[in-house]
Amino acid sequence: MLFSDAAGFLRRVTEDFRLVQEFVELGAKVKAAASEAMDAEAALGEIPDEFLDPIQSNLKLRKTTHSLSFHTNVELKARIVEFVRSQELKRHEAVISMQSDQVATQTGNVETTFID
């Protein structure tokens, strides 16, 4: 909404169509990146509160501006990275398990066909 409003304003104040087009494209890229980031965090499931930025409610993977010491920030980042890896591993194992179940079901159906 913000980018489309700003693009509308640019159309009224400039005749440089290229500038307006670049701005619209930037807005589309920002929207896609935000969507991807939200999808990635949603895939992690329940995120511990200590890993969430208190203002933005997203993962604290970037440098924090809070009054934490540098050592604490590095330690926290390492714990967050480990959490993300473990969640991705769980998701990967679940996919492999589902695929194995599907193959077993399909194989069972084939064997049943030959027995009948």
PDB file of N, CA and C in Angstrom:
ATOM      1  N   MET A   1       0.828  -1.193   0.000  1.00  0.00           N
ATOM      2  CA  MET A   1       0.000   0.000   0.000  1.00  0.00           C
ATOM      3  C   MET A   1       0.871   1.255   0.000  1.00  0.00           C
ATOM      4  N   LEU A   2       1.894   1.252   0.831  1.00  0.00           N
ATOM      5  CA  LEU A   2       2.769   2.414   0.925  1.00  0.00           C
ATOM      6  C   LEU A   2       3.477   2.681  -0.408  1.00  0.00           C
ATOM      7  N   PHE A   3       3.993   1.620  -1.032  1.00  0.00           N
ATOM      8  CA  PHE A   3       4.688   1.799  -2.310  1.00  0.00           C
ATOM      9  C   PHE A   3       3.732   2.246  -3.414  1.00  0.00           C
ATOM     10  N   SER A   4       2.531   1.700  -3.434  1.00  0.00           N
ATOM     11  CA  SER A   4       1.597   2.104  -4.489  1.00  0.00           C
ATOM     12  C   SER A   4       1.159   3.554  -4.295  1.00  0.00           C
ATOM     13  N   ASP A   5       0.982   3.978  -3.045  1.00  0.00           N
ATOM     14  CA  ASP A   5       0.647   5.384  -2.782  1.00  0.00           C
ATOM     15  C   ASP A   5       1.787   6.301  -3.216  1.00  0.00           C
ATOM     16  N   ALA A   6       3.018   5.895  -2.879  1.00  0.00           N
ATOM     17  CA  ALA A   6       4.182   6.704  -3.257  1.00  0.00           C
ATOM     18  C   ALA A   6       4.349   6.736  -4.778  1.00  0.00           C
ATOM     19  N   ALA A   7       4.094   5.606  -5.443  1.00  0.00           N
ATOM     20  CA  ALA A   7       4.182   5.570  -6.906  1.00  0.00           C
ATOM     21  C   ALA A   7       3.145   6.513  -7.519  1.00  0.00           C
ATOM     22  N   GLY A   8       1.955   6.537  -6.947  1.00  0.00           N
ATOM     23  CA  GLY A   8       0.926   7.467  -7.421  1.00  0.00           C
ATOM     24  C   GLY A   8       1.372   8.909  -7.279  1.00  0.00           C
ATOM     25  N   PHE A   9       2.015   9.215  -6.156  1.00  0.00           N
ATOM     26  CA  PHE A   9       2.534  10.560  -5.946  1.00  0.00           C
ATOM     27  C   PHE A   9       3.612  10.885  -6.979  1.00  0.00           C
ATOM     28  N   LEU A  10       4.539   9.930  -7.213  1.00  0.00           N
ATOM     29  CA  LEU A  10       5.594  10.148  -8.208  1.00  0.00           C
ATOM     30  C   LEU A  10       5.024  10.414  -9.593  1.00  0.00           C
ATOM     31  N   ARG A  11       3.963   9.687  -9.951  1.00  0.00           N
ATOM     32  CA  ARG A  11       3.339   9.896 -11.276  1.00  0.00           C
ATOM     33  C   ARG A  11       2.823  11.327 -11.419  1.00  0.00           C
ATOM     34  N   ARG A  12       2.351  11.899 -10.302  1.00  0.00           N
ATOM     35  CA  ARG A  12       1.810  13.267 -10.347  1.00  0.00           C
ATOM     36  C   ARG A  12       2.904  14.335 -10.398  1.00  0.00           C
ATOM     37  N   VAL A  13       4.092  14.039  -9.819  1.00  0.00           N
ATOM     38  CA  VAL A  13       5.109  15.083  -9.703  1.00  0.00           C
ATOM     39  C   VAL A  13       6.258  14.951 -10.699  1.00  0.00           C
ATOM     40  N   THR A  14       6.323  13.844 -11.435  1.00  0.00           N
ATOM     41  CA  THR A  14       7.417  13.701 -12.390  1.00  0.00           C
ATOM     42  C   THR A  14       6.906  13.145 -13.709  1.00  0.00           C
ATOM     43  N   GLU A  15       7.618  13.453 -14.752  1.00  0.00           N
ATOM     44  CA  GLU A  15       7.298  12.897 -16.059  1.00  0.00           C
ATOM     45  C   GLU A  15       8.250  11.765 -16.419  1.00  0.00           C
ATOM     46  N   ASP A  16       9.149  11.442 -15.498  1.00  0.00           N
ATOM     47  CA  ASP A  16      10.142  10.389 -15.732  1.00  0.00           C
ATOM     48  C   ASP A  16       9.493   9.024 -15.454  1.00  0.00           C
ATOM     49  N   PHE A  17       8.935   8.444 -16.529  1.00  0.00           N
ATOM     50  CA  PHE A  17       8.245   7.159 -16.406  1.00  0.00           C
ATOM     51  C   PHE A  17       9.178   6.074 -15.883  1.00  0.00           C
ATOM     52  N   ARG A  18      10.452   6.134 -16.307  1.00  0.00           N
ATOM     53  CA  ARG A  18      11.435   5.125 -15.886  1.00  0.00           C
ATOM     54  C   ARG A  18      11.603   5.129 -14.364  1.00  0.00           C
ATOM     55  N   LEU A  19      11.671   6.298 -13.768  1.00  0.00           N
ATOM     56  CA  LEU A  19      11.809   6.433 -12.318  1.00  0.00           C
ATOM     57  C   LEU A  19      10.605   5.818 -11.607  1.00  0.00           C
ATOM     58  N   VAL A  20       9.429   6.108 -12.103  1.00  0.00           N
ATOM     59  CA  VAL A  20       8.201   5.549 -11.509  1.00  0.00           C
ATOM     60  C   VAL A  20       8.212   4.031 -11.642  1.00  0.00           C
ATOM     61  N   GLN A  21       8.576   3.518 -12.815  1.00  0.00           N
ATOM     62  CA  GLN A  21       8.608   2.076 -13.046  1.00  0.00           C
ATOM     63  C   GLN A  21       9.607   1.382 -12.114  1.00  0.00           C
ATOM     64  N   GLU A  22      10.788   1.979 -11.942  1.00  0.00           N
ATOM     65  CA  GLU A  22      11.794   1.407 -11.041  1.00  0.00           C
ATOM     66  C   GLU A  22      11.281   1.373  -9.602  1.00  0.00           C
ATOM     67  N   PHE A  23      10.566   2.408  -9.225  1.00  0.00           N
ATOM     68  CA  PHE A  23      10.006   2.462  -7.874  1.00  0.00           C
ATOM     69  C   PHE A  23       8.942   1.386  -7.689  1.00  0.00           C
ATOM     70  N   VAL A  24       8.094   1.195  -8.673  1.00  0.00           N
ATOM     71  CA  VAL A  24       7.066   0.155  -8.617  1.00  0.00           C
ATOM     72  C   VAL A  24       7.718  -1.225  -8.523  1.00  0.00           C
ATOM     73  N   GLU A  25       8.777  -1.441  -9.310  1.00  0.00           N
ATOM     74  CA  GLU A  25       9.495  -2.718  -9.270  1.00  0.00           C
ATOM     75  C   GLU A  25      10.146  -2.945  -7.910  1.00  0.00           C
ATOM     76  N   LEU A  26      10.692  -1.880  -7.325  1.00  0.00           N
ATOM     77  CA  LEU A  26      11.272  -1.985  -5.989  1.00  0.00           C
ATOM     78  C   LEU A  26      10.204  -2.405  -4.982  1.00  0.00           C
ATOM     79  N   GLY A  27       9.041  -1.806  -5.083  1.00  0.00           N
ATOM     80  CA  GLY A  27       7.936  -2.177  -4.192  1.00  0.00           C
ATOM     81  C   GLY A  27       7.559  -3.644  -4.322  1.00  0.00           C
ATOM     82  N   ALA A  28       7.554  -4.161  -5.543  1.00  0.00           N
ATOM     83  CA  ALA A  28       7.231  -5.571  -5.775  1.00  0.00           C
ATOM     84  C   ALA A  28       8.296  -6.475  -5.152  1.00  0.00           C
ATOM     85  N   LYS A  29       9.565  -6.068  -5.277  1.00  0.00           N
ATOM     86  CA  LYS A  29      10.656  -6.861  -4.688  1.00  0.00           C
ATOM     87  C   LYS A  29      10.569  -6.864  -3.161  1.00  0.00           C
ATOM     88  N   VAL A  30      10.266  -5.729  -2.587  1.00  0.00           N
ATOM     89  CA  VAL A  30      10.131  -5.636  -1.130  1.00  0.00           C
ATOM     90  C   VAL A  30       8.981  -6.519  -0.656  1.00  0.00           C
ATOM     91  N   LYS A  31       7.868  -6.468  -1.373  1.00  0.00           N
ATOM     92  CA  LYS A  31       6.707  -7.289  -1.005  1.00  0.00           C
ATOM     93  C   LYS A  31       7.039  -8.775  -1.081  1.00  0.00           C
ATOM     94  N   ALA A  32       7.748  -9.194  -2.141  1.00  0.00           N
ATOM     95  CA  ALA A  32       8.127 -10.600  -2.294  1.00  0.00           C
ATOM     96  C   ALA A  32       9.090 -11.028  -1.191  1.00  0.00           C
ATOM     97  N   ALA A  33      10.054 -10.177  -0.863  1.00  0.00           N
ATOM     98  CA  ALA A  33      11.022 -10.505   0.187  1.00  0.00           C
ATOM     99  C   ALA A  33      10.332 -10.617   1.544  1.00  0.00           C
ATOM    100  N   ALA A  34       9.409  -9.718   1.818  1.00  0.00           N
ATOM    101  CA  ALA A  34       8.681  -9.774   3.078  1.00  0.00           C
ATOM    102  C   ALA A  34       7.839 -11.038   3.170  1.00  0.00           C
ATOM    103  N   SER A  35       7.215 -11.408   2.080  1.00  0.00           N
ATOM    104  CA  SER A  35       6.406 -12.626   2.042  1.00  0.00           C
ATOM    105  C   SER A  35       7.265 -13.863   2.284  1.00  0.00           C
ATOM    106  N   GLU A  36       8.434 -13.911   1.635  1.00  0.00           N
ATOM    107  CA  GLU A  36       9.349 -15.041   1.824  1.00  0.00           C
ATOM    108  C   GLU A  36       9.816 -15.124   3.274  1.00  0.00           C
ATOM    109  N   ALA A  37      10.129 -13.980   3.874  1.00  0.00           N
ATOM    110  CA  ALA A  37      10.590 -13.964   5.264  1.00  0.00           C
ATOM    111  C   ALA A  37       9.490 -14.456   6.197  1.00  0.00           C
ATOM    112  N   MET A  38       8.260 -14.032   5.946  1.00  0.00           N
ATOM    113  CA  MET A  38       7.140 -14.476   6.784  1.00  0.00           C
ATOM    114  C   MET A  38       6.904 -15.974   6.622  1.00  0.00           C
ATOM    115  N   ASP A  39       6.996 -16.477   5.388  1.00  0.00           N
ATOM    116  CA  ASP A  39       6.830 -17.906   5.139  1.00  0.00           C
ATOM    117  C   ASP A  39       7.911 -18.712   5.847  1.00  0.00           C
ATOM    118  N   ALA A  40       9.145 -18.215   5.787  1.00  0.00           N
ATOM    119  CA  ALA A  40      10.262 -18.921   6.419  1.00  0.00           C
ATOM    120  C   ALA A  40      10.076 -18.990   7.928  1.00  0.00           C
ATOM    121  N   GLU A  41       9.642 -17.899   8.535  1.00  0.00           N
ATOM    122  CA  GLU A  41       9.424 -17.909   9.979  1.00  0.00           C
ATOM    123  C   GLU A  41       8.217 -18.758  10.348  1.00  0.00           C
ATOM    124  N   ALA A  42       7.178 -18.745   9.520  1.00  0.00           N
ATOM    125  CA  ALA A  42       5.997 -19.568   9.794  1.00  0.00           C
ATOM    126  C   ALA A  42       6.351 -21.047   9.757  1.00  0.00           C
ATOM    127  N   ALA A  43       7.275 -21.420   8.887  1.00  0.00           N
ATOM    128  CA  ALA A  43       7.681 -22.822   8.767  1.00  0.00           C
ATOM    129  C   ALA A  43       8.437 -23.299  10.004  1.00  0.00           C
ATOM    130  N   LEU A  44       8.946 -22.375  10.810  1.00  0.00           N
ATOM    131  CA  LEU A  44       9.684 -22.763  12.009  1.00  0.00           C
ATOM    132  C   LEU A  44       8.770 -23.211  13.138  1.00  0.00           C
ATOM    133  N   GLY A  45       7.500 -22.915  13.027  1.00  0.00           N
ATOM    134  CA  GLY A  45       6.580 -23.294  14.094  1.00  0.00           C
ATOM    135  C   GLY A  45       6.689 -22.329  15.264  1.00  0.00           C
ATOM    136  N   GLU A  46       6.495 -22.850  16.456  1.00  0.00           N
ATOM    137  CA  GLU A  46       6.538 -22.040  17.680  1.00  0.00           C
ATOM    138  C   GLU A  46       7.966 -21.572  17.942  1.00  0.00           C
ATOM    139  N   ILE A  47       8.184 -20.268  17.887  1.00  0.00           N
ATOM    140  CA  ILE A  47       9.508 -19.702  18.117  1.00  0.00           C
ATOM    141  C   ILE A  47       9.574 -19.235  19.569  1.00  0.00           C
ATOM    142  N   PRO A  48      10.603 -19.671  20.316  1.00  0.00           N
ATOM    143  CA  PRO A  48      10.725 -19.226  21.711  1.00  0.00           C
ATOM    144  C   PRO A  48      10.772 -17.707  21.807  1.00  0.00           C
ATOM    145  N   ASP A  49      10.110 -17.153  22.817  1.00  0.00           N
ATOM    146  CA  ASP A  49      10.046 -15.701  22.991  1.00  0.00           C
ATOM    147  C   ASP A  49      11.419 -15.050  23.069  1.00  0.00           C
ATOM    148  N   GLU A  50      12.392 -15.738  23.679  1.00  0.00           N
ATOM    149  CA  GLU A  50      13.720 -15.140  23.829  1.00  0.00           C
ATOM    150  C   GLU A  50      14.408 -14.911  22.483  1.00  0.00           C
ATOM    151  N   PHE A  51      13.919 -15.574  21.408  1.00  0.00           N
ATOM    152  CA  PHE A  51      14.502 -15.419  20.079  1.00  0.00           C
ATOM    153  C   PHE A  51      13.793 -14.347  19.259  1.00  0.00           C
ATOM    154  N   LEU A  52      12.732 -13.768  19.800  1.00  0.00           N
ATOM    155  CA  LEU A  52      11.946 -12.786  19.057  1.00  0.00           C
ATOM    156  C   LEU A  52      12.335 -11.362  19.430  1.00  0.00           C
ATOM    157  N   ASP A  53      12.389 -10.498  18.436  1.00  0.00           N
ATOM    158  CA  ASP A  53      12.608  -9.084  18.671  1.00  0.00           C
ATOM    159  C   ASP A  53      11.348  -8.542  19.351  1.00  0.00           C
ATOM    160  N   PRO A  54      11.481  -7.861  20.469  1.00  0.00           N
ATOM    161  CA  PRO A  54      10.288  -7.402  21.201  1.00  0.00           C
ATOM    162  C   PRO A  54       9.465  -6.350  20.466  1.00  0.00           C
ATOM    163  N   ILE A  55      10.082  -5.663  19.518  1.00  0.00           N
ATOM    164  CA  ILE A  55       9.362  -4.624  18.788  1.00  0.00           C
ATOM    165  C   ILE A  55       8.720  -5.170  17.524  1.00  0.00           C
ATOM    166  N   GLN A  56       9.493  -5.929  16.729  1.00  0.00           N
ATOM    167  CA  GLN A  56       9.001  -6.403  15.443  1.00  0.00           C
ATOM    168  C   GLN A  56       8.427  -7.813  15.485  1.00  0.00           C
ATOM    169  N   SER A  57       8.629  -8.525  16.578  1.00  0.00           N
ATOM    170  CA  SER A  57       8.154  -9.913  16.740  1.00  0.00           C
ATOM    171  C   SER A  57       8.663 -10.838  15.647  1.00  0.00           C
ATOM    172  N   ASN A  58       9.910 -10.613  15.208  1.00  0.00           N
ATOM    173  CA  ASN A  58      10.530 -11.530  14.255  1.00  0.00           C
ATOM    174  C   ASN A  58      11.839 -12.023  14.855  1.00  0.00           C
ATOM    175  N   LEU A  59      12.473 -12.995  14.201  1.00  0.00           N
ATOM    176  CA  LEU A  59      13.713 -13.546  14.737  1.00  0.00           C
ATOM    177  C   LEU A  59      14.795 -12.492  14.859  1.00  0.00           C
ATOM    178  N   LYS A  60      15.549 -12.561  15.934  1.00  0.00           N
ATOM    179  CA  LYS A  60      16.650 -11.622  16.167  1.00  0.00           C
ATOM    180  C   LYS A  60      17.916 -12.132  15.504  1.00  0.00           C
ATOM    181  N   LEU A  61      17.941 -12.232  14.195  1.00  0.00           N
ATOM    182  CA  LEU A  61      19.136 -12.722  13.528  1.00  0.00           C
ATOM    183  C   LEU A  61      20.082 -11.595  13.141  1.00  0.00           C
ATOM    184  N   ARG A  62      19.594 -10.401  13.147  1.00  0.00           N
ATOM    185  CA  ARG A  62      20.459  -9.270  12.836  1.00  0.00           C
ATOM    186  C   ARG A  62      20.999  -8.705  14.147  1.00  0.00           C
ATOM    187  N   LYS A  63      21.993  -7.802  14.052  1.00  0.00           N
ATOM    188  CA  LYS A  63      22.527  -7.187  15.270  1.00  0.00           C
ATOM    189  C   LYS A  63      21.389  -6.518  16.017  1.00  0.00           C
ATOM    190  N   THR A  64      21.360  -6.724  17.321  1.00  0.00           N
ATOM    191  CA  THR A  64      20.317  -6.074  18.097  1.00  0.00           C
ATOM    192  C   THR A  64      20.812  -4.713  18.547  1.00  0.00           C
ATOM    193  N   THR A  65      19.905  -3.817  18.758  1.00  0.00           N
ATOM    194  CA  THR A  65      20.264  -2.473  19.225  1.00  0.00           C
ATOM    195  C   THR A  65      19.918  -2.332  20.696  1.00  0.00           C
ATOM    196  N   HIS A  66      19.593  -3.450  21.313  1.00  0.00           N
ATOM    197  CA  HIS A  66      19.239  -3.409  22.731  1.00  0.00           C
ATOM    198  C   HIS A  66      20.504  -3.292  23.574  1.00  0.00           C
ATOM    199  N   SER A  67      20.367  -3.172  24.866  1.00  0.00           N
ATOM    200  CA  SER A  67      21.520  -2.957  25.740  1.00  0.00           C
ATOM    201  C   SER A  67      22.244  -4.251  26.100  1.00  0.00           C
ATOM    202  N   LEU A  68      22.090  -5.298  25.300  1.00  0.00           N
ATOM    203  CA  LEU A  68      22.793  -6.544  25.538  1.00  0.00           C
ATOM    204  C   LEU A  68      24.263  -6.376  25.173  1.00  0.00           C
ATOM    205  N   SER A  69      25.119  -7.107  25.865  1.00  0.00           N
ATOM    206  CA  SER A  69      26.543  -7.037  25.540  1.00  0.00           C
ATOM    207  C   SER A  69      26.804  -7.757  24.228  1.00  0.00           C
ATOM    208  N   PHE A  70      27.961  -7.490  23.608  1.00  0.00           N
ATOM    209  CA  PHE A  70      28.324  -8.146  22.363  1.00  0.00           C
ATOM    210  C   PHE A  70      28.369  -9.650  22.563  1.00  0.00           C
ATOM    211  N   HIS A  71      28.942 -10.103  23.661  1.00  0.00           N
ATOM    212  CA  HIS A  71      29.050 -11.547  23.940  1.00  0.00           C
ATOM    213  C   HIS A  71      27.663 -12.183  23.982  1.00  0.00           C
ATOM    214  N   THR A  72      26.738 -11.536  24.648  1.00  0.00           N
ATOM    215  CA  THR A  72      25.372 -12.065  24.742  1.00  0.00           C
ATOM    216  C   THR A  72      24.741 -12.133  23.369  1.00  0.00           C
ATOM    217  N   ASN A  73      24.945 -11.101  22.533  1.00  0.00           N
ATOM    218  CA  ASN A  73      24.373 -11.099  21.182  1.00  0.00           C
ATOM    219  C   ASN A  73      24.912 -12.264  20.351  1.00  0.00           C
ATOM    220  N   VAL A  74      26.211 -12.509  20.431  1.00  0.00           N
ATOM    221  CA  VAL A  74      26.823 -13.595  19.675  1.00  0.00           C
ATOM    222  C   VAL A  74      26.274 -14.934  20.164  1.00  0.00           C
ATOM    223  N   GLU A  75      26.175 -15.067  21.472  1.00  0.00           N
ATOM    224  CA  GLU A  75      25.641 -16.297  22.068  1.00  0.00           C
ATOM    225  C   GLU A  75      24.186 -16.509  21.648  1.00  0.00           C
ATOM    226  N   LEU A  76      23.392 -15.464  21.711  1.00  0.00           N
ATOM    227  CA  LEU A  76      21.984 -15.550  21.329  1.00  0.00           C
ATOM    228  C   LEU A  76      21.852 -15.912  19.860  1.00  0.00           C
ATOM    229  N   LYS A  77      22.657 -15.286  19.012  1.00  0.00           N
ATOM    230  CA  LYS A  77      22.597 -15.585  17.580  1.00  0.00           C
ATOM    231  C   LYS A  77      22.922 -17.054  17.327  1.00  0.00           C
ATOM    232  N   ALA A  78      23.921 -17.583  18.014  1.00  0.00           N
ATOM    233  CA  ALA A  78      24.289 -18.995  17.846  1.00  0.00           C
ATOM    234  C   ALA A  78      23.134 -19.901  18.263  1.00  0.00           C
ATOM    235  N   ARG A  79      22.448 -19.556  19.348  1.00  0.00           N
ATOM    236  CA  ARG A  79      21.304 -20.369  19.800  1.00  0.00           C
ATOM    237  C   ARG A  79      20.148 -20.286  18.810  1.00  0.00           C
ATOM    238  N   ILE A  80      19.928 -19.106  18.235  1.00  0.00           N
ATOM    239  CA  ILE A  80      18.852 -18.949  17.248  1.00  0.00           C
ATOM    240  C   ILE A  80      19.174 -19.758  15.997  1.00  0.00           C
ATOM    241  N   VAL A  81      20.411 -19.669  15.524  1.00  0.00           N
ATOM    242  CA  VAL A  81      20.812 -20.425  14.325  1.00  0.00           C
ATOM    243  C   VAL A  81      20.632 -21.917  14.569  1.00  0.00           C
ATOM    244  N   GLU A  82      20.998 -22.394  15.746  1.00  0.00           N
ATOM    245  CA  GLU A  82      20.829 -23.817  16.077  1.00  0.00           C
ATOM    246  C   GLU A  82      19.346 -24.189  16.105  1.00  0.00           C
ATOM    247  N   PHE A  83      18.503 -23.309  16.646  1.00  0.00           N
ATOM    248  CA  PHE A  83      17.056 -23.557  16.676  1.00  0.00           C
ATOM    249  C   PHE A  83      16.510 -23.674  15.253  1.00  0.00           C
ATOM    250  N   VAL A  84      16.904 -22.743  14.383  1.00  0.00           N
ATOM    251  CA  VAL A  84      16.430 -22.760  12.995  1.00  0.00           C
ATOM    252  C   VAL A  84      16.867 -24.053  12.313  1.00  0.00           C
ATOM    253  N   ARG A  85      18.122 -24.441  12.503  1.00  0.00           N
ATOM    254  CA  ARG A  85      18.615 -25.688  11.899  1.00  0.00           C
ATOM    255  C   ARG A  85      17.832 -26.898  12.403  1.00  0.00           C
ATOM    256  N   SER A  86      17.574 -26.946  13.697  1.00  0.00           N
ATOM    257  CA  SER A  86      16.847 -28.103  14.240  1.00  0.00           C
ATOM    258  C   SER A  86      15.417 -28.162  13.700  1.00  0.00           C
ATOM    259  N   GLN A  87      14.777 -26.997  13.539  1.00  0.00           N
ATOM    260  CA  GLN A  87      13.416 -26.976  12.997  1.00  0.00           C
ATOM    261  C   GLN A  87      13.419 -27.411  11.534  1.00  0.00           C
ATOM    262  N   GLU A  88      14.417 -26.963  10.773  1.00  0.00           N
ATOM    263  CA  GLU A  88      14.509 -27.369   9.367  1.00  0.00           C
ATOM    264  C   GLU A  88      14.767 -28.866   9.260  1.00  0.00           C
ATOM    265  N   LEU A  89      15.601 -29.412  10.149  1.00  0.00           N
ATOM    266  CA  LEU A  89      15.880 -30.842  10.148  1.00  0.00           C
ATOM    267  C   LEU A  89      14.615 -31.640  10.466  1.00  0.00           C
ATOM    268  N   LYS A  90      13.842 -31.175  11.457  1.00  0.00           N
ATOM    269  CA  LYS A  90      12.581 -31.849  11.792  1.00  0.00           C
ATOM    270  C   LYS A  90      11.639 -31.852  10.597  1.00  0.00           C
ATOM    271  N   ARG A  91      11.539 -30.694   9.916  1.00  0.00           N
ATOM    272  CA  ARG A  91      10.654 -30.581   8.761  1.00  0.00           C
ATOM    273  C   ARG A  91      11.132 -31.506   7.640  1.00  0.00           C
ATOM    274  N   HIS A  92      12.436 -31.570   7.429  1.00  0.00           N
ATOM    275  CA  HIS A  92      13.010 -32.435   6.397  1.00  0.00           C
ATOM    276  C   HIS A  92      12.735 -33.904   6.730  1.00  0.00           C
ATOM    277  N   GLU A  93      12.920 -34.286   7.991  1.00  0.00           N
ATOM    278  CA  GLU A  93      12.664 -35.670   8.404  1.00  0.00           C
ATOM    279  C   GLU A  93      11.188 -36.028   8.232  1.00  0.00           C
ATOM    280  N   ALA A  94      10.302 -35.074   8.507  1.00  0.00           N
ATOM    281  CA  ALA A  94       8.871 -35.326   8.342  1.00  0.00           C
ATOM    282  C   ALA A  94       8.524 -35.557   6.878  1.00  0.00           C
ATOM    283  N   VAL A  95       9.132 -34.787   5.985  1.00  0.00           N
ATOM    284  CA  VAL A  95       8.890 -34.956   4.548  1.00  0.00           C
ATOM    285  C   VAL A  95       9.382 -36.324   4.096  1.00  0.00           C
ATOM    286  N   ILE A  96      10.568 -36.716   4.522  1.00  0.00           N
ATOM    287  CA  ILE A  96      11.116 -38.020   4.144  1.00  0.00           C
ATOM    288  C   ILE A  96      10.238 -39.139   4.688  1.00  0.00           C
ATOM    289  N   SER A  97       9.757 -38.989   5.910  1.00  0.00           N
ATOM    290  CA  SER A  97       8.883 -39.999   6.505  1.00  0.00           C
ATOM    291  C   SER A  97       7.580 -40.133   5.711  1.00  0.00           C
ATOM    292  N   MET A  98       7.011 -38.988   5.307  1.00  0.00           N
ATOM    293  CA  MET A  98       5.787 -39.024   4.504  1.00  0.00           C
ATOM    294  C   MET A  98       6.032 -39.713   3.169  1.00  0.00           C
ATOM    295  N   GLN A  99       7.161 -39.406   2.550  1.00  0.00           N
ATOM    296  CA  GLN A  99       7.488 -40.024   1.268  1.00  0.00           C
ATOM    297  C   GLN A  99       7.686 -41.527   1.427  1.00  0.00           C
ATOM    298  N   SER A 100       8.337 -41.942   2.506  1.00  0.00           N
ATOM    299  CA  SER A 100       8.539 -43.372   2.764  1.00  0.00           C
ATOM    300  C   SER A 100       7.204 -44.075   2.973  1.00  0.00           C
ATOM    301  N   ASP A 101       6.303 -43.416   3.708  1.00  0.00           N
ATOM    302  CA  ASP A 101       4.971 -43.989   3.926  1.00  0.00           C
ATOM    303  C   ASP A 101       4.219 -44.137   2.605  1.00  0.00           C
ATOM    304  N   GLN A 102       4.352 -43.135   1.728  1.00  0.00           N
ATOM    305  CA  GLN A 102       3.675 -43.204   0.427  1.00  0.00           C
ATOM    306  C   GLN A 102       4.226 -44.339  -0.412  1.00  0.00           C
ATOM    307  N   VAL A 103       5.544 -44.499  -0.400  1.00  0.00           N
ATOM    308  CA  VAL A 103       6.162 -45.582  -1.166  1.00  0.00           C
ATOM    309  C   VAL A 103       5.718 -46.934  -0.598  1.00  0.00           C
ATOM    310  N   ALA A 104       5.690 -47.048   0.725  1.00  0.00           N
ATOM    311  CA  ALA A 104       5.261 -48.301   1.351  1.00  0.00           C
ATOM    312  C   ALA A 104       3.813 -48.604   1.004  1.00  0.00           C
ATOM    313  N   THR A 105       2.971 -47.582   1.004  1.00  0.00           N
ATOM    314  CA  THR A 105       1.562 -47.771   0.655  1.00  0.00           C
ATOM    315  C   THR A 105       1.430 -48.204  -0.801  1.00  0.00           C
ATOM    316  N   GLN A 106       2.169 -47.542  -1.684  1.00  0.00           N
ATOM    317  CA  GLN A 106       2.118 -47.898  -3.100  1.00  0.00           C
ATOM    318  C   GLN A 106       2.649 -49.304  -3.326  1.00  0.00           C
ATOM    319  N   THR A 107       3.708 -49.680  -2.651  1.00  0.00           N
ATOM    320  CA  THR A 107       4.276 -51.017  -2.771  1.00  0.00           C
ATOM    321  C   THR A 107       3.288 -52.047  -2.239  1.00  0.00           C
ATOM    322  N   GLY A 108       2.636 -51.720  -1.142  1.00  0.00           N
ATOM    323  CA  GLY A 108       1.616 -52.619  -0.577  1.00  0.00           C
ATOM    324  C   GLY A 108       0.475 -52.826  -1.543  1.00  0.00           C
ATOM    325  N   ASN A 109       0.066 -51.790  -2.238  1.00  0.00           N
ATOM    326  CA  ASN A 109      -1.014 -51.895  -3.220  1.00  0.00           C
ATOM    327  C   ASN A 109      -0.609 -52.791  -4.382  1.00  0.00           C
ATOM    328  N   VAL A 110       0.642 -52.685  -4.803  1.00  0.00           N
ATOM    329  CA  VAL A 110       1.121 -53.508  -5.911  1.00  0.00           C
ATOM    330  C   VAL A 110       1.139 -54.971  -5.491  1.00  0.00           C
ATOM    331  N   GLU A 111       1.628 -55.252  -4.277  1.00  0.00           N
ATOM    332  CA  GLU A 111       1.676 -56.633  -3.796  1.00  0.00           C
ATOM    333  C   GLU A 111       0.265 -57.198  -3.657  1.00  0.00           C
ATOM    334  N   THR A 112      -0.653 -56.405  -3.180  1.00  0.00           N
ATOM    335  CA  THR A 112      -2.043 -56.850  -3.036  1.00  0.00           C
ATOM    336  C   THR A 112      -2.614 -57.204  -4.402  1.00  0.00           C
ATOM    337  N   THR A 113      -2.270 -56.419  -5.412  1.00  0.00           N
ATOM    338  CA  THR A 113      -2.754 -56.682  -6.753  1.00  0.00           C
ATOM    339  C   THR A 113      -2.275 -58.051  -7.239  1.00  0.00           C
ATOM    340  N   PHE A 114      -1.027 -58.387  -6.978  1.00  0.00           N
ATOM    341  CA  PHE A 114      -0.493 -59.663  -7.422  1.00  0.00           C
ATOM    342  C   PHE A 114      -1.064 -60.834  -6.622  1.00  0.00           C
ATOM    343  N   ILE A 115      -1.370 -60.613  -5.351  1.00  0.00           N
ATOM    344  CA  ILE A 115      -1.894 -61.697  -4.512  1.00  0.00           C
ATOM    345  C   ILE A 115      -3.329 -61.997  -4.888  1.00  0.00           C
ATOM    346  N   ASP A 116      -4.102 -61.000  -5.152  1.00  0.00           N
ATOM    347  CA  ASP A 116      -5.511 -61.211  -5.497  1.00  0.00           C
ATOM    348  C   ASP A 116      -5.572 -61.877  -6.804  1.00  0.00           C
TER     349      ASP A 116
END
